[in-house]
């Protein structure tokens, strides 16, 4: 059954200018799109694990809510992630840029970018001493990022 109602579109941008409470630490946004974040995700996970765990514990204790109660922990996670990206930009910029651009051009599919990933990983391992641990890798099996290239 059709209606005669005309569609209404609003193009208003809603911005909440309410300042955050003083006890919540101020933090800048990470400022990265999905490709650089995907490229650095395992390294962010390595360095920021304690902050991530604190945040997840806070959310768990708040029964999945905790938007305001967990802001402090969330801000710590954001600051830590931003520090990882800043350090990678400082020490491994060209390798990082090559890898995330490959991801961006290949729909974030990691397998397309293994050749670009290897020099990026080597730089981060060497200069930042961060690890890359892929969850659920079977014991005794070489993680995918450490295997020799089998095809190109």
N, C-alpha and C. Protein backbone atom coordinates (compact mmCIF):
# COMPACT_ATOMS: atom_id res chain seq x y z
N UNK A 1 0.84 -1.17 0.00
CA UNK A 1 0.00 0.00 0.00
C UNK A 1 0.89 1.24 0.00
N UNK A 2 0.67 2.12 -0.87
CA UNK A 2 1.49 3.34 -1.00
C UNK A 2 1.01 4.42 -0.04
N UNK A 3 1.93 5.29 0.30
CA UNK A 3 1.58 6.44 1.14
C UNK A 3 1.87 7.71 0.37
N UNK A 4 1.31 8.77 0.85
CA UNK A 4 1.53 10.07 0.22
C UNK A 4 2.55 10.90 0.98
N UNK A 5 3.21 10.29 1.93
CA UNK A 5 4.15 11.03 2.75
C UNK A 5 5.43 11.31 1.96
N UNK A 6 5.88 12.55 1.97
CA UNK A 6 7.12 12.93 1.30
C UNK A 6 8.31 12.61 2.19
N UNK A 7 9.40 12.14 1.63
CA UNK A 7 10.59 11.88 2.46
C UNK A 7 11.18 13.19 2.96
N UNK A 8 11.72 13.11 4.17
CA UNK A 8 12.35 14.29 4.77
C UNK A 8 13.80 13.94 5.04
N UNK A 9 14.69 14.75 4.52
CA UNK A 9 16.11 14.54 4.74
C UNK A 9 16.66 15.71 5.53
N UNK A 10 17.43 15.40 6.52
CA UNK A 10 18.10 16.47 7.26
C UNK A 10 19.59 16.32 7.04
N UNK A 11 20.24 17.40 6.82
CA UNK A 11 21.68 17.37 6.61
C UNK A 11 22.40 18.10 7.73
N UNK A 12 21.72 18.22 8.83
CA UNK A 12 22.31 18.91 9.97
C UNK A 12 23.38 18.03 10.62
N UNK A 13 24.45 18.64 11.01
CA UNK A 13 25.50 17.95 11.74
C UNK A 13 25.27 18.23 13.22
N UNK A 14 25.14 17.16 13.99
CA UNK A 14 24.90 17.31 15.41
C UNK A 14 26.22 17.21 16.15
N UNK A 15 26.55 18.23 16.89
CA UNK A 15 27.78 18.26 17.66
C UNK A 15 27.42 18.57 19.11
N UNK A 16 27.88 17.72 20.00
CA UNK A 16 27.64 17.95 21.43
C UNK A 16 28.84 18.71 21.97
N UNK A 17 28.63 19.95 22.35
CA UNK A 17 29.72 20.79 22.86
C UNK A 17 29.87 20.71 24.37
N UNK A 18 29.20 19.78 24.99
CA UNK A 18 29.31 19.62 26.44
C UNK A 18 30.73 19.17 26.78
N UNK A 19 31.43 19.92 27.63
CA UNK A 19 32.80 19.50 27.96
C UNK A 19 32.81 18.23 28.79
N UNK A 20 33.88 17.46 28.62
CA UNK A 20 34.04 16.24 29.40
C UNK A 20 34.33 16.62 30.85
N UNK A 21 33.96 15.76 31.78
CA UNK A 21 34.29 16.05 33.19
C UNK A 21 35.80 16.17 33.38
N UNK A 22 36.21 16.94 34.36
CA UNK A 22 37.63 17.20 34.59
C UNK A 22 38.43 15.94 34.95
N UNK A 23 37.78 14.95 35.55
CA UNK A 23 38.52 13.74 35.94
C UNK A 23 38.80 12.80 34.76
N UNK A 24 38.26 13.10 33.59
CA UNK A 24 38.51 12.30 32.40
C UNK A 24 39.71 12.91 31.66
N UNK A 25 40.79 12.15 31.46
CA UNK A 25 41.96 12.72 30.79
C UNK A 25 41.65 13.13 29.36
N UNK A 26 42.22 14.23 28.93
CA UNK A 26 42.05 14.72 27.56
C UNK A 26 42.92 13.88 26.64
N UNK A 27 42.45 13.64 25.43
CA UNK A 27 43.21 12.85 24.47
C UNK A 27 42.79 13.24 23.06
N UNK A 28 43.78 13.28 22.17
CA UNK A 28 43.50 13.51 20.75
C UNK A 28 43.08 12.19 20.13
N UNK A 29 42.27 12.26 19.11
CA UNK A 29 41.90 11.05 18.38
C UNK A 29 43.13 10.49 17.65
N UNK A 30 43.10 9.21 17.33
CA UNK A 30 44.22 8.57 16.65
C UNK A 30 44.43 9.20 15.28
N UNK A 31 43.37 9.50 14.58
CA UNK A 31 43.49 10.17 13.29
C UNK A 31 43.98 9.29 12.17
N UNK A 32 43.63 8.02 12.20
CA UNK A 32 44.05 7.09 11.14
C UNK A 32 42.81 6.38 10.60
N UNK A 33 42.87 6.07 9.32
CA UNK A 33 41.77 5.34 8.70
C UNK A 33 41.97 3.84 8.92
N UNK A 34 41.10 3.03 8.34
CA UNK A 34 41.13 1.60 8.60
C UNK A 34 42.40 0.91 8.08
N UNK A 35 42.97 1.35 6.97
CA UNK A 35 44.16 0.68 6.44
C UNK A 35 45.38 0.83 7.37
N UNK A 36 45.73 2.05 7.81
CA UNK A 36 46.85 2.14 8.76
C UNK A 36 46.57 1.44 10.08
N UNK A 37 45.33 1.47 10.54
CA UNK A 37 45.00 0.78 11.79
C UNK A 37 45.11 -0.74 11.63
N UNK A 38 44.69 -1.26 10.49
CA UNK A 38 44.83 -2.69 10.23
C UNK A 38 46.31 -3.07 10.16
N UNK A 39 47.08 -2.24 9.51
CA UNK A 39 48.51 -2.49 9.36
C UNK A 39 49.22 -2.55 10.71
N UNK A 40 48.81 -1.72 11.64
CA UNK A 40 49.48 -1.63 12.95
C UNK A 40 48.77 -2.39 14.06
N UNK A 41 47.67 -3.05 13.76
CA UNK A 41 46.82 -3.63 14.80
C UNK A 41 47.56 -4.57 15.75
N UNK A 42 48.38 -5.48 15.21
CA UNK A 42 49.07 -6.43 16.08
C UNK A 42 50.10 -5.73 16.96
N UNK A 43 50.72 -4.69 16.44
CA UNK A 43 51.72 -3.95 17.22
C UNK A 43 51.04 -3.10 18.30
N UNK A 44 49.91 -2.53 17.96
CA UNK A 44 49.12 -1.81 18.98
C UNK A 44 48.71 -2.79 20.07
N UNK A 45 48.27 -3.97 19.65
CA UNK A 45 47.89 -5.00 20.62
C UNK A 45 49.03 -5.40 21.53
N UNK A 46 50.24 -5.47 20.99
CA UNK A 46 51.40 -5.86 21.79
C UNK A 46 51.72 -4.80 22.85
N UNK A 47 51.84 -3.56 22.42
CA UNK A 47 52.23 -2.51 23.36
C UNK A 47 51.08 -2.12 24.30
N UNK A 48 49.87 -2.16 23.83
CA UNK A 48 48.74 -1.62 24.58
C UNK A 48 47.92 -2.67 25.31
N UNK A 49 48.41 -3.90 25.36
CA UNK A 49 47.65 -4.98 25.97
C UNK A 49 47.17 -4.67 27.40
N UNK A 50 48.01 -4.14 28.28
CA UNK A 50 47.52 -3.87 29.64
C UNK A 50 46.37 -2.85 29.66
N UNK A 51 46.45 -1.83 28.80
CA UNK A 51 45.39 -0.82 28.74
C UNK A 51 44.12 -1.40 28.15
N UNK A 52 44.26 -2.23 27.12
CA UNK A 52 43.09 -2.89 26.53
C UNK A 52 42.40 -3.78 27.55
N UNK A 53 43.21 -4.53 28.31
CA UNK A 53 42.62 -5.42 29.31
C UNK A 53 41.92 -4.64 30.42
N UNK A 54 42.50 -3.52 30.85
CA UNK A 54 41.83 -2.68 31.85
C UNK A 54 40.50 -2.16 31.34
N UNK A 55 40.49 -1.74 30.07
CA UNK A 55 39.25 -1.22 29.47
C UNK A 55 38.19 -2.33 29.38
N UNK A 56 38.60 -3.50 28.91
CA UNK A 56 37.64 -4.60 28.78
C UNK A 56 37.13 -5.06 30.14
N UNK A 57 37.99 -5.05 31.15
CA UNK A 57 37.56 -5.40 32.50
C UNK A 57 36.55 -4.37 33.01
N UNK A 58 36.80 -3.11 32.77
CA UNK A 58 35.86 -2.06 33.17
C UNK A 58 34.51 -2.28 32.50
N UNK A 59 34.52 -2.54 31.19
CA UNK A 59 33.27 -2.77 30.47
C UNK A 59 32.55 -4.02 31.00
N UNK A 60 33.31 -5.05 31.32
CA UNK A 60 32.72 -6.29 31.86
C UNK A 60 32.08 -6.02 33.21
N UNK A 61 32.80 -5.30 34.07
CA UNK A 61 32.26 -5.00 35.40
C UNK A 61 31.04 -4.08 35.34
N UNK A 62 30.94 -3.30 34.26
CA UNK A 62 29.79 -2.43 34.08
C UNK A 62 28.68 -3.15 33.30
N UNK A 63 28.81 -4.46 33.14
CA UNK A 63 27.82 -5.29 32.45
C UNK A 63 27.56 -4.83 31.02
N UNK A 64 28.64 -4.47 30.31
CA UNK A 64 28.52 -4.07 28.92
C UNK A 64 28.19 -2.61 28.71
N UNK A 65 27.92 -1.91 29.75
CA UNK A 65 27.61 -0.48 29.63
C UNK A 65 28.90 0.27 29.97
N UNK A 66 28.84 1.21 30.84
CA UNK A 66 30.05 1.88 31.30
C UNK A 66 30.58 2.93 30.37
N UNK A 67 29.71 3.54 29.54
CA UNK A 67 30.18 4.56 28.61
C UNK A 67 30.94 5.67 29.34
N UNK A 68 30.38 6.14 30.43
CA UNK A 68 31.06 7.20 31.19
C UNK A 68 32.05 6.62 32.18
N UNK A 69 31.69 5.51 32.79
CA UNK A 69 32.55 4.92 33.82
C UNK A 69 33.89 4.46 33.26
N UNK A 70 33.93 4.09 31.98
CA UNK A 70 35.14 3.53 31.39
C UNK A 70 35.86 4.49 30.45
N UNK A 71 35.47 5.76 30.44
CA UNK A 71 36.12 6.72 29.56
C UNK A 71 37.60 6.88 29.88
N UNK A 72 37.94 6.87 31.14
CA UNK A 72 39.35 7.04 31.52
C UNK A 72 40.20 5.91 30.94
N UNK A 73 39.72 4.67 31.07
CA UNK A 73 40.45 3.53 30.52
C UNK A 73 40.48 3.58 28.99
N UNK A 74 39.36 3.98 28.40
CA UNK A 74 39.30 4.10 26.94
C UNK A 74 40.26 5.14 26.40
N UNK A 75 40.40 6.24 27.13
CA UNK A 75 41.34 7.28 26.72
C UNK A 75 42.78 6.79 26.80
N UNK A 76 43.06 5.95 27.77
CA UNK A 76 44.42 5.38 27.87
C UNK A 76 44.71 4.49 26.66
N UNK A 77 43.72 3.71 26.23
CA UNK A 77 43.89 2.87 25.05
C UNK A 77 44.17 3.74 23.83
N UNK A 78 43.40 4.81 23.68
CA UNK A 78 43.58 5.71 22.53
C UNK A 78 44.96 6.35 22.54
N UNK A 79 45.39 6.82 23.70
CA UNK A 79 46.73 7.43 23.80
C UNK A 79 47.82 6.44 23.45
N UNK A 80 47.67 5.21 23.92
CA UNK A 80 48.67 4.18 23.64
C UNK A 80 48.71 3.86 22.15
N UNK A 81 47.55 3.70 21.53
CA UNK A 81 47.50 3.40 20.09
C UNK A 81 48.13 4.54 19.30
N UNK A 82 47.84 5.76 19.68
CA UNK A 82 48.43 6.92 18.99
C UNK A 82 49.95 6.92 19.15
N UNK A 83 50.45 6.50 20.31
CA UNK A 83 51.91 6.47 20.52
C UNK A 83 52.57 5.41 19.63
N UNK A 84 51.90 4.28 19.44
CA UNK A 84 52.45 3.24 18.56
C UNK A 84 52.53 3.77 17.13
N UNK A 85 51.47 4.38 16.66
CA UNK A 85 51.46 4.90 15.29
C UNK A 85 52.50 6.01 15.13
N UNK A 86 52.64 6.86 16.14
CA UNK A 86 53.66 7.92 16.07
C UNK A 86 55.06 7.33 16.00
N UNK A 87 55.33 6.31 16.81
CA UNK A 87 56.65 5.67 16.78
C UNK A 87 56.92 4.98 15.46
N UNK A 88 55.91 4.32 14.92
CA UNK A 88 56.07 3.67 13.61
C UNK A 88 56.32 4.72 12.54
N UNK A 89 55.58 5.82 12.59
CA UNK A 89 55.81 6.91 11.62
C UNK A 89 57.22 7.47 11.74
N UNK A 90 57.74 7.51 12.94
CA UNK A 90 59.08 8.07 13.17
C UNK A 90 60.19 7.13 12.70
N UNK A 91 60.03 5.83 12.93
CA UNK A 91 61.12 4.89 12.68
C UNK A 91 60.96 4.02 11.43
N UNK A 92 59.72 3.83 10.96
CA UNK A 92 59.48 2.89 9.84
C UNK A 92 58.49 3.47 8.84
N UNK A 93 58.55 4.75 8.59
CA UNK A 93 57.52 5.41 7.80
C UNK A 93 57.36 4.83 6.40
N UNK A 94 58.45 4.65 5.67
CA UNK A 94 58.30 4.19 4.28
C UNK A 94 57.73 2.77 4.21
N UNK A 95 58.20 1.88 5.07
CA UNK A 95 57.69 0.51 5.09
C UNK A 95 56.21 0.49 5.51
N UNK A 96 55.90 1.29 6.51
CA UNK A 96 54.52 1.40 7.00
C UNK A 96 53.61 1.92 5.89
N UNK A 97 54.01 2.98 5.25
CA UNK A 97 53.19 3.58 4.20
C UNK A 97 52.97 2.60 3.05
N UNK A 98 54.03 1.90 2.66
CA UNK A 98 53.90 0.91 1.58
C UNK A 98 52.90 -0.18 1.96
N UNK A 99 52.98 -0.65 3.21
CA UNK A 99 52.08 -1.72 3.64
C UNK A 99 50.64 -1.26 3.72
N UNK A 100 50.38 -0.12 4.37
CA UNK A 100 48.98 0.27 4.51
C UNK A 100 48.36 0.71 3.19
N UNK A 101 49.18 1.24 2.28
CA UNK A 101 48.63 1.58 0.95
C UNK A 101 48.25 0.31 0.19
N UNK A 102 49.05 -0.73 0.34
CA UNK A 102 48.71 -2.01 -0.27
C UNK A 102 47.38 -2.52 0.30
N UNK A 103 47.23 -2.47 1.62
CA UNK A 103 45.98 -2.90 2.24
C UNK A 103 44.80 -2.07 1.74
N UNK A 104 45.00 -0.79 1.65
CA UNK A 104 43.94 0.11 1.19
C UNK A 104 43.52 -0.23 -0.24
N UNK A 105 44.48 -0.58 -1.07
CA UNK A 105 44.19 -0.89 -2.47
C UNK A 105 43.69 -2.32 -2.68
N UNK A 106 43.75 -3.14 -1.65
CA UNK A 106 43.34 -4.54 -1.76
C UNK A 106 42.26 -4.91 -0.75
N UNK A 107 41.39 -3.96 -0.46
CA UNK A 107 40.22 -4.22 0.38
C UNK A 107 40.59 -4.79 1.75
N UNK A 108 41.72 -4.35 2.30
CA UNK A 108 42.21 -4.76 3.62
C UNK A 108 42.47 -6.26 3.74
N UNK A 109 42.68 -6.93 2.61
CA UNK A 109 42.97 -8.36 2.64
C UNK A 109 44.48 -8.56 2.81
N UNK A 110 44.84 -9.06 3.98
CA UNK A 110 46.25 -9.18 4.36
C UNK A 110 47.05 -10.05 3.40
N UNK A 111 46.46 -11.10 2.88
CA UNK A 111 47.23 -12.03 2.05
C UNK A 111 47.75 -11.39 0.77
N UNK A 112 47.09 -10.34 0.30
CA UNK A 112 47.57 -9.65 -0.89
C UNK A 112 48.86 -8.87 -0.62
N UNK A 113 49.12 -8.58 0.65
CA UNK A 113 50.20 -7.65 0.99
C UNK A 113 51.32 -8.30 1.80
N UNK A 114 51.49 -9.61 1.70
CA UNK A 114 52.55 -10.28 2.47
C UNK A 114 53.94 -9.77 2.08
N UNK A 115 54.16 -9.49 0.80
CA UNK A 115 55.48 -9.01 0.37
C UNK A 115 55.79 -7.65 0.98
N UNK A 116 54.79 -6.78 1.10
CA UNK A 116 54.99 -5.46 1.72
C UNK A 116 55.04 -5.56 3.24
N UNK A 117 54.42 -6.59 3.77
CA UNK A 117 54.37 -6.78 5.22
C UNK A 117 55.73 -7.18 5.79
N UNK A 118 56.47 -8.00 5.09
CA UNK A 118 57.74 -8.50 5.62
C UNK A 118 58.73 -7.39 5.98
N UNK A 119 59.02 -6.43 5.08
CA UNK A 119 59.95 -5.37 5.48
C UNK A 119 59.38 -4.47 6.59
N UNK A 120 58.07 -4.28 6.57
CA UNK A 120 57.44 -3.49 7.64
C UNK A 120 57.61 -4.18 8.99
N UNK A 121 57.28 -5.47 9.04
CA UNK A 121 57.46 -6.23 10.28
C UNK A 121 58.90 -6.20 10.74
N UNK A 122 59.84 -6.43 9.84
CA UNK A 122 61.26 -6.45 10.21
C UNK A 122 61.68 -5.13 10.83
N UNK A 123 61.23 -4.03 10.25
CA UNK A 123 61.57 -2.72 10.78
C UNK A 123 61.01 -2.54 12.19
N UNK A 124 59.76 -2.88 12.38
CA UNK A 124 59.13 -2.72 13.69
C UNK A 124 59.77 -3.65 14.72
N UNK A 125 60.04 -4.90 14.32
CA UNK A 125 60.69 -5.84 15.24
C UNK A 125 62.05 -5.31 15.67
N UNK A 126 62.82 -4.81 14.72
CA UNK A 126 64.18 -4.36 14.99
C UNK A 126 64.22 -3.03 15.75
N UNK A 127 63.47 -2.05 15.27
CA UNK A 127 63.61 -0.69 15.82
C UNK A 127 62.71 -0.41 17.02
N UNK A 128 61.54 -1.03 17.07
CA UNK A 128 60.61 -0.76 18.18
C UNK A 128 60.52 -1.93 19.16
N UNK A 129 61.10 -3.06 18.79
CA UNK A 129 61.11 -4.26 19.64
C UNK A 129 59.69 -4.72 20.00
N UNK A 130 58.74 -4.51 19.10
CA UNK A 130 57.39 -5.00 19.31
C UNK A 130 57.25 -6.37 18.67
N UNK A 131 56.31 -7.16 19.18
CA UNK A 131 56.09 -8.51 18.68
C UNK A 131 54.79 -8.55 17.89
N UNK A 132 54.67 -9.56 17.08
CA UNK A 132 53.43 -9.80 16.35
C UNK A 132 52.97 -11.20 16.70
N UNK A 133 51.93 -11.30 17.50
CA UNK A 133 51.40 -12.59 17.92
C UNK A 133 50.00 -12.72 17.33
N UNK A 134 49.84 -13.72 16.47
CA UNK A 134 48.54 -13.95 15.85
C UNK A 134 47.78 -14.95 16.70
N UNK A 135 46.62 -14.55 17.24
CA UNK A 135 45.86 -15.46 18.10
C UNK A 135 45.48 -16.74 17.38
N UNK A 136 45.41 -17.81 18.14
CA UNK A 136 44.97 -19.12 17.65
C UNK A 136 45.88 -19.75 16.62
N UNK A 137 47.14 -19.30 16.52
CA UNK A 137 48.09 -20.00 15.66
C UNK A 137 48.39 -21.34 16.35
N UNK A 138 48.21 -22.45 15.65
CA UNK A 138 48.46 -23.76 16.28
C UNK A 138 49.90 -23.88 16.80
N UNK A 139 50.04 -24.51 17.95
CA UNK A 139 51.37 -24.72 18.53
C UNK A 139 52.25 -25.50 17.57
N UNK A 140 53.49 -25.04 17.47
CA UNK A 140 54.45 -25.71 16.61
C UNK A 140 54.37 -25.29 15.15
N UNK A 141 53.38 -24.49 14.79
CA UNK A 141 53.24 -24.04 13.40
C UNK A 141 53.83 -22.63 13.27
N UNK A 142 54.57 -22.41 12.20
CA UNK A 142 55.15 -21.09 11.96
C UNK A 142 54.04 -20.10 11.60
N UNK A 143 53.97 -18.97 12.31
CA UNK A 143 52.93 -17.97 11.99
C UNK A 143 53.07 -17.50 10.54
N UNK A 144 51.97 -17.13 9.95
CA UNK A 144 51.91 -16.80 8.52
C UNK A 144 52.90 -15.69 8.14
N UNK A 145 53.08 -14.72 9.03
CA UNK A 145 53.96 -13.60 8.69
C UNK A 145 55.45 -13.95 8.74
N UNK A 146 55.79 -15.13 9.27
CA UNK A 146 57.18 -15.57 9.33
C UNK A 146 57.52 -16.65 8.32
N UNK A 147 56.52 -17.12 7.59
CA UNK A 147 56.75 -18.18 6.60
C UNK A 147 57.42 -17.60 5.35
N UNK A 148 58.25 -18.41 4.69
CA UNK A 148 58.80 -17.93 3.41
C UNK A 148 57.69 -17.85 2.38
N UNK A 149 57.87 -16.94 1.44
CA UNK A 149 56.88 -16.78 0.38
C UNK A 149 56.81 -18.05 -0.45
N UNK A 150 55.59 -18.56 -0.66
CA UNK A 150 55.42 -19.78 -1.44
C UNK A 150 55.00 -19.48 -2.88
N UNK A 151 54.44 -18.29 -3.09
CA UNK A 151 54.04 -17.87 -4.44
C UNK A 151 54.00 -16.35 -4.47
N UNK A 152 54.00 -15.82 -5.68
CA UNK A 152 53.92 -14.36 -5.81
C UNK A 152 52.83 -13.99 -6.75
